[in-house]
């Protein structure tokens, strides 16, 4: 019996070492894949937060509401092909980390239209991004897409994407400087 326990302990130690070696190789491959995706020049990923920065233009077709419009037109991309290329890169990162994806479409309130118009436009744009991601092959852990409006902001808005925050370090405030001694 003692001999059998020793054999099993030896097997366990050997298999544990093999598992650690496989994990190391897997992590190495994952990080190389992240670098390959980033080298395409469309997106970058903050390795401490999991936030994905879109470097290529991510443009929706412009919308000009009337002063009393409540219902926005169906949203569209300026170039669906360009958006698909960006989203495929985002999905590649999501698959590397086997992570759900959070998408926030930020819509800048423009001239005209009611607040309800801009809120509906933001939600419709988020649904459009979600639809494209699902068409291309949804992220392994699921997908959450929301639209928000930005009042008083300039520009056309943006799209913010994040991988599962539990996989990354939480943002920590910068340490306060120690008081100077006289």
C-alpha atoms as a PDB file:
ATOM      1  CA  UNK A   1       0.000   0.000   0.000  1.00  0.00           C
ATOM      2  CA  UNK A   2       2.832   2.359   0.914  1.00  0.00           C
ATOM      3  CA  UNK A   3       4.504   1.648  -2.447  1.00  0.00           C
ATOM      4  CA  UNK A   4       1.254   2.446  -4.273  1.00  0.00           C
ATOM      5  CA  UNK A   5       0.899   5.768  -2.401  1.00  0.00           C
ATOM      6  CA  UNK A   6       4.476   6.686  -3.328  1.00  0.00           C
ATOM      7  CA  UNK A   7       3.775   5.864  -6.991  1.00  0.00           C
ATOM      8  CA  UNK A   8       0.612   7.965  -6.958  1.00  0.00           C
ATOM      9  CA  UNK A   9       2.439  10.866  -5.280  1.00  0.00           C
ATOM     10  CA  UNK A  10       5.151  10.667  -7.902  1.00  0.00           C
ATOM     11  CA  UNK A  11       2.544  10.618 -10.704  1.00  0.00           C
ATOM     12  CA  UNK A  12       0.755  13.584  -9.134  1.00  0.00           C
ATOM     13  CA  UNK A  13       3.980  15.611  -8.925  1.00  0.00           C
ATOM     14  CA  UNK A  14       4.861  14.784 -12.536  1.00  0.00           C
ATOM     15  CA  UNK A  15       1.372  15.701 -13.809  1.00  0.00           C
ATOM     16  CA  UNK A  16       1.376  18.914 -11.778  1.00  0.00           C
ATOM     17  CA  UNK A  17       4.667  19.911 -13.423  1.00  0.00           C
ATOM     18  CA  UNK A  18       3.235  19.113 -16.863  1.00  0.00           C
ATOM     19  CA  UNK A  19       0.133  21.186 -16.125  1.00  0.00           C
ATOM     20  CA  UNK A  20       2.243  24.172 -15.059  1.00  0.00           C
ATOM     21  CA  UNK A  21       4.341  23.853 -18.234  1.00  0.00           C
ATOM     22  CA  UNK A  22       1.162  23.741 -20.367  1.00  0.00           C
ATOM     23  CA  UNK A  23      -0.222  26.830 -18.587  1.00  0.00           C
ATOM     24  CA  UNK A  24       3.024  28.670 -19.229  1.00  0.00           C
ATOM     25  CA  UNK A  25       2.934  27.812 -22.931  1.00  0.00           C
ATOM     26  CA  UNK A  26      -0.742  28.776 -23.115  1.00  0.00           C
ATOM     27  CA  UNK A  27      -0.084  32.172 -21.513  1.00  0.00           C
ATOM     28  CA  UNK A  28       2.863  32.724 -23.827  1.00  0.00           C
ATOM     29  CA  UNK A  29       0.694  31.954 -26.855  1.00  0.00           C
ATOM     30  CA  UNK A  30      -2.090  34.192 -25.557  1.00  0.00           C
ATOM     31  CA  UNK A  31       0.211  37.169 -25.066  1.00  0.00           C
ATOM     32  CA  UNK A  32       1.739  36.634 -28.499  1.00  0.00           C
ATOM     33  CA  UNK A  33      -1.774  36.583 -29.984  1.00  0.00           C
ATOM     34  CA  UNK A  34      -2.603  39.866 -28.224  1.00  0.00           C
ATOM     35  CA  UNK A  35       0.536  41.403 -29.732  1.00  0.00           C
ATOM     36  CA  UNK A  36      -0.345  40.068 -33.204  1.00  0.00           C
ATOM     37  CA  UNK A  37      -3.826  41.600 -32.999  1.00  0.00           C
ATOM     38  CA  UNK A  38      -2.427  44.936 -31.795  1.00  0.00           C
ATOM     39  CA  UNK A  39       0.206  44.925 -34.549  1.00  0.00           C
ATOM     40  CA  UNK A  40      -2.600  45.113 -37.114  1.00  0.00           C
ATOM     41  CA  UNK A  41      -3.045  48.729 -35.966  1.00  0.00           C
ATOM     42  CA  UNK A  42      -6.811  48.736 -35.396  1.00  0.00           C
ATOM     43  CA  UNK A  43      -6.955  48.328 -31.611  1.00  0.00           C
ATOM     44  CA  UNK A  44      -4.812  48.171 -28.491  1.00  0.00           C
ATOM     45  CA  UNK A  45      -5.581  46.624 -25.130  1.00  0.00           C
ATOM     46  CA  UNK A  46      -4.671  48.073 -21.757  1.00  0.00           C
ATOM     47  CA  UNK A  47      -3.208  45.044 -20.032  1.00  0.00           C
ATOM     48  CA  UNK A  48      -3.959  46.372 -16.561  1.00  0.00           C
ATOM     49  CA  UNK A  49      -7.654  47.200 -17.096  1.00  0.00           C
ATOM     50  CA  UNK A  50      -8.774  45.091 -20.075  1.00  0.00           C
ATOM     51  CA  UNK A  51     -10.041  48.205 -21.871  1.00  0.00           C
ATOM     52  CA  UNK A  52      -9.751  48.027 -25.635  1.00  0.00           C
ATOM     53  CA  UNK A  53      -8.846  51.285 -27.358  1.00  0.00           C
ATOM     54  CA  UNK A  54     -10.030  51.607 -30.942  1.00  0.00           C
ATOM     55  CA  UNK A  55      -7.374  53.324 -33.037  1.00  0.00           C
ATOM     56  CA  UNK A  56      -9.089  53.086 -36.436  1.00  0.00           C
ATOM     57  CA  UNK A  57     -12.146  55.233 -37.244  1.00  0.00           C
ATOM     58  CA  UNK A  58     -15.348  53.723 -35.813  1.00  0.00           C
ATOM     59  CA  UNK A  59     -17.927  55.884 -37.510  1.00  0.00           C
ATOM     60  CA  UNK A  60     -21.690  55.886 -37.560  1.00  0.00           C
ATOM     61  CA  UNK A  61     -23.600  57.641 -40.334  1.00  0.00           C
ATOM     62  CA  UNK A  62     -24.412  61.201 -39.271  1.00  0.00           C
ATOM     63  CA  UNK A  63     -27.872  62.053 -38.006  1.00  0.00           C
ATOM     64  CA  UNK A  64     -29.550  65.473 -38.050  1.00  0.00           C
ATOM     65  CA  UNK A  65     -32.796  65.559 -36.124  1.00  0.00           C
ATOM     66  CA  UNK A  66     -35.536  68.090 -36.476  1.00  0.00           C
ATOM     67  CA  UNK A  67     -36.246  70.274 -33.444  1.00  0.00           C
ATOM     68  CA  UNK A  68     -39.106  68.068 -32.215  1.00  0.00           C
ATOM     69  CA  UNK A  69     -37.976  64.643 -33.428  1.00  0.00           C
ATOM     70  CA  UNK A  70     -38.364  61.860 -30.878  1.00  0.00           C
ATOM     71  CA  UNK A  71     -37.557  58.863 -33.054  1.00  0.00           C
ATOM     72  CA  UNK A  72     -34.135  58.597 -34.680  1.00  0.00           C
ATOM     73  CA  UNK A  73     -33.631  56.875 -38.022  1.00  0.00           C
ATOM     74  CA  UNK A  74     -32.164  53.372 -38.028  1.00  0.00           C
ATOM     75  CA  UNK A  75     -28.451  53.697 -37.273  1.00  0.00           C
ATOM     76  CA  UNK A  76     -25.848  52.705 -39.835  1.00  0.00           C
ATOM     77  CA  UNK A  77     -22.079  52.589 -40.098  1.00  0.00           C
ATOM     78  CA  UNK A  78     -20.200  54.773 -42.551  1.00  0.00           C
ATOM     79  CA  UNK A  79     -18.364  51.592 -43.632  1.00  0.00           C
ATOM     80  CA  UNK A  80     -19.604  48.217 -42.410  1.00  0.00           C
ATOM     81  CA  UNK A  81     -16.490  46.533 -43.837  1.00  0.00           C
ATOM     82  CA  UNK A  82     -14.170  48.776 -41.794  1.00  0.00           C
ATOM     83  CA  UNK A  83     -16.250  48.219 -38.647  1.00  0.00           C
ATOM     84  CA  UNK A  84     -16.246  44.448 -39.187  1.00  0.00           C
ATOM     85  CA  UNK A  85     -12.433  44.463 -39.378  1.00  0.00           C
ATOM     86  CA  UNK A  86     -12.225  46.324 -36.055  1.00  0.00           C
ATOM     87  CA  UNK A  87     -14.817  44.075 -34.421  1.00  0.00           C
ATOM     88  CA  UNK A  88     -13.066  40.902 -35.630  1.00  0.00           C
ATOM     89  CA  UNK A  89      -9.905  42.131 -33.881  1.00  0.00           C
ATOM     90  CA  UNK A  90     -11.892  42.813 -30.702  1.00  0.00           C
ATOM     91  CA  UNK A  91     -13.423  39.336 -30.859  1.00  0.00           C
ATOM     92  CA  UNK A  92      -9.936  37.829 -31.300  1.00  0.00           C
ATOM     93  CA  UNK A  93      -8.886  39.427 -27.997  1.00  0.00           C
ATOM     94  CA  UNK A  94     -12.073  38.279 -26.312  1.00  0.00           C
ATOM     95  CA  UNK A  95     -11.354  34.721 -27.422  1.00  0.00           C
ATOM     96  CA  UNK A  96      -7.747  34.836 -26.185  1.00  0.00           C
ATOM     97  CA  UNK A  97      -9.007  35.635 -22.693  1.00  0.00           C
ATOM     98  CA  UNK A  98     -12.227  33.594 -23.042  1.00  0.00           C
ATOM     99  CA  UNK A  99     -13.885  36.715 -21.754  1.00  0.00           C
ATOM    100  CA  UNK A 100     -17.263  38.360 -22.035  1.00  0.00           C
ATOM    101  CA  UNK A 101     -17.249  41.741 -23.696  1.00  0.00           C
ATOM    102  CA  UNK A 102     -18.742  44.994 -22.453  1.00  0.00           C
ATOM    103  CA  UNK A 103     -19.532  47.616 -25.098  1.00  0.00           C
ATOM    104  CA  UNK A 104     -20.558  51.187 -24.353  1.00  0.00           C
ATOM    105  CA  UNK A 105     -21.609  53.373 -27.274  1.00  0.00           C
ATOM    106  CA  UNK A 106     -21.271  57.015 -26.311  1.00  0.00           C
ATOM    107  CA  UNK A 107     -23.420  59.388 -28.342  1.00  0.00           C
ATOM    108  CA  UNK A 108     -22.801  63.143 -28.215  1.00  0.00           C
ATOM    109  CA  UNK A 109     -25.972  65.238 -28.013  1.00  0.00           C
ATOM    110  CA  UNK A 110     -26.099  67.438 -31.086  1.00  0.00           C
ATOM    111  CA  UNK A 111     -28.270  70.356 -32.120  1.00  0.00           C
ATOM    112  CA  UNK A 112     -31.987  69.735 -32.323  1.00  0.00           C
ATOM    113  CA  UNK A 113     -33.956  66.719 -31.299  1.00  0.00           C
ATOM    114  CA  UNK A 114     -35.302  65.924 -27.881  1.00  0.00           C
ATOM    115  CA  UNK A 115     -33.372  64.182 -25.097  1.00  0.00           C
ATOM    116  CA  UNK A 116     -35.449  61.078 -25.861  1.00  0.00           C
ATOM    117  CA  UNK A 117     -34.232  61.201 -29.484  1.00  0.00           C
ATOM    118  CA  UNK A 118     -30.566  61.114 -28.407  1.00  0.00           C
ATOM    119  CA  UNK A 119     -31.159  58.379 -25.826  1.00  0.00           C
ATOM    120  CA  UNK A 120     -32.937  56.230 -28.423  1.00  0.00           C
ATOM    121  CA  UNK A 121     -30.152  56.887 -30.936  1.00  0.00           C
ATOM    122  CA  UNK A 122     -27.481  55.785 -28.421  1.00  0.00           C
ATOM    123  CA  UNK A 123     -29.447  52.616 -27.601  1.00  0.00           C
ATOM    124  CA  UNK A 124     -30.028  51.872 -31.309  1.00  0.00           C
ATOM    125  CA  UNK A 125     -26.321  52.320 -32.089  1.00  0.00           C
ATOM    126  CA  UNK A 126     -25.421  49.974 -29.218  1.00  0.00           C
ATOM    127  CA  UNK A 127     -27.874  47.405 -30.603  1.00  0.00           C
ATOM    128  CA  UNK A 128     -26.272  47.764 -34.049  1.00  0.00           C
ATOM    129  CA  UNK A 129     -22.777  47.105 -32.637  1.00  0.00           C
ATOM    130  CA  UNK A 130     -24.143  44.146 -30.680  1.00  0.00           C
ATOM    131  CA  UNK A 131     -25.773  42.755 -33.822  1.00  0.00           C
ATOM    132  CA  UNK A 132     -22.534  43.020 -35.823  1.00  0.00           C
ATOM    133  CA  UNK A 133     -20.565  41.282 -33.046  1.00  0.00           C
ATOM    134  CA  UNK A 134     -23.118  38.476 -32.847  1.00  0.00           C
ATOM    135  CA  UNK A 135     -23.049  38.092 -36.628  1.00  0.00           C
ATOM    136  CA  UNK A 136     -19.250  37.812 -36.608  1.00  0.00           C
ATOM    137  CA  UNK A 137     -19.279  35.256 -33.784  1.00  0.00           C
ATOM    138  CA  UNK A 138     -20.197  36.360 -30.276  1.00  0.00           C
ATOM    139  CA  UNK A 139     -17.610  36.553 -27.493  1.00  0.00           C
ATOM    140  CA  UNK A 140     -17.213  33.313 -25.536  1.00  0.00           C
ATOM    141  CA  UNK A 141     -18.498  34.676 -22.223  1.00  0.00           C
ATOM    142  CA  UNK A 142     -21.364  36.780 -23.521  1.00  0.00           C
ATOM    143  CA  UNK A 143     -21.920  40.331 -24.621  1.00  0.00           C
ATOM    144  CA  UNK A 144     -23.316  43.424 -22.956  1.00  0.00           C
ATOM    145  CA  UNK A 145     -23.953  46.521 -25.089  1.00  0.00           C
ATOM    146  CA  UNK A 146     -25.299  49.808 -23.757  1.00  0.00           C
ATOM    147  CA  UNK A 147     -25.744  53.265 -25.218  1.00  0.00           C
ATOM    148  CA  UNK A 148     -25.272  56.471 -23.273  1.00  0.00           C
ATOM    149  CA  UNK A 149     -25.511  60.126 -24.189  1.00  0.00           C
ATOM    150  CA  UNK A 150     -22.838  62.716 -23.481  1.00  0.00           C
ATOM    151  CA  UNK A 151     -24.152  66.220 -22.943  1.00  0.00           C
ATOM    152  CA  UNK A 152     -21.838  69.143 -23.591  1.00  0.00           C
ATOM    153  CA  UNK A 153     -19.162  66.951 -25.173  1.00  0.00           C
ATOM    154  CA  UNK A 154     -17.563  67.693 -28.509  1.00  0.00           C
ATOM    155  CA  UNK A 155     -17.030  65.319 -31.376  1.00  0.00           C
ATOM    156  CA  UNK A 156     -19.155  62.435 -32.562  1.00  0.00           C
ATOM    157  CA  UNK A 157     -18.940  60.207 -29.505  1.00  0.00           C
ATOM    158  CA  UNK A 158     -17.032  56.972 -29.201  1.00  0.00           C
ATOM    159  CA  UNK A 159     -17.252  53.282 -28.514  1.00  0.00           C
ATOM    160  CA  UNK A 160     -15.638  51.897 -25.370  1.00  0.00           C
ATOM    161  CA  UNK A 161     -15.003  48.158 -25.087  1.00  0.00           C
ATOM    162  CA  UNK A 162     -13.767  46.181 -22.095  1.00  0.00           C
ATOM    163  CA  UNK A 163     -12.985  42.580 -21.373  1.00  0.00           C
ATOM    164  CA  UNK A 164     -14.132  40.993 -18.110  1.00  0.00           C
ATOM    165  CA  UNK A 165     -12.868  43.323 -15.350  1.00  0.00           C
ATOM    166  CA  UNK A 166     -12.365  40.389 -12.951  1.00  0.00           C
ATOM    167  CA  UNK A 167      -9.444  39.256 -15.139  1.00  0.00           C
ATOM    168  CA  UNK A 168      -7.561  42.520 -14.695  1.00  0.00           C
ATOM    169  CA  UNK A 169      -6.316  44.735 -11.903  1.00  0.00           C
ATOM    170  CA  UNK A 170      -8.784  47.272 -10.640  1.00  0.00           C
ATOM    171  CA  UNK A 171      -7.740  50.837 -11.311  1.00  0.00           C
ATOM    172  CA  UNK A 172      -6.018  52.228  -8.272  1.00  0.00           C
ATOM    173  CA  UNK A 173      -5.604  55.908  -7.540  1.00  0.00           C
ATOM    174  CA  UNK A 174      -2.105  57.320  -7.763  1.00  0.00           C
ATOM    175  CA  UNK A 175      -0.368  57.414  -4.392  1.00  0.00           C
ATOM    176  CA  UNK A 176      -0.348  60.766  -2.675  1.00  0.00           C
ATOM    177  CA  UNK A 177       2.998  62.461  -2.422  1.00  0.00           C
ATOM    178  CA  UNK A 178       4.473  62.582   1.054  1.00  0.00           C
ATOM    179  CA  UNK A 179       4.561  66.049   2.587  1.00  0.00           C
ATOM    180  CA  UNK A 180       7.852  67.820   2.096  1.00  0.00           C
ATOM    181  CA  UNK A 181      10.006  68.203   5.144  1.00  0.00           C
ATOM    182  CA  UNK A 182      11.465  71.597   5.821  1.00  0.00           C
END
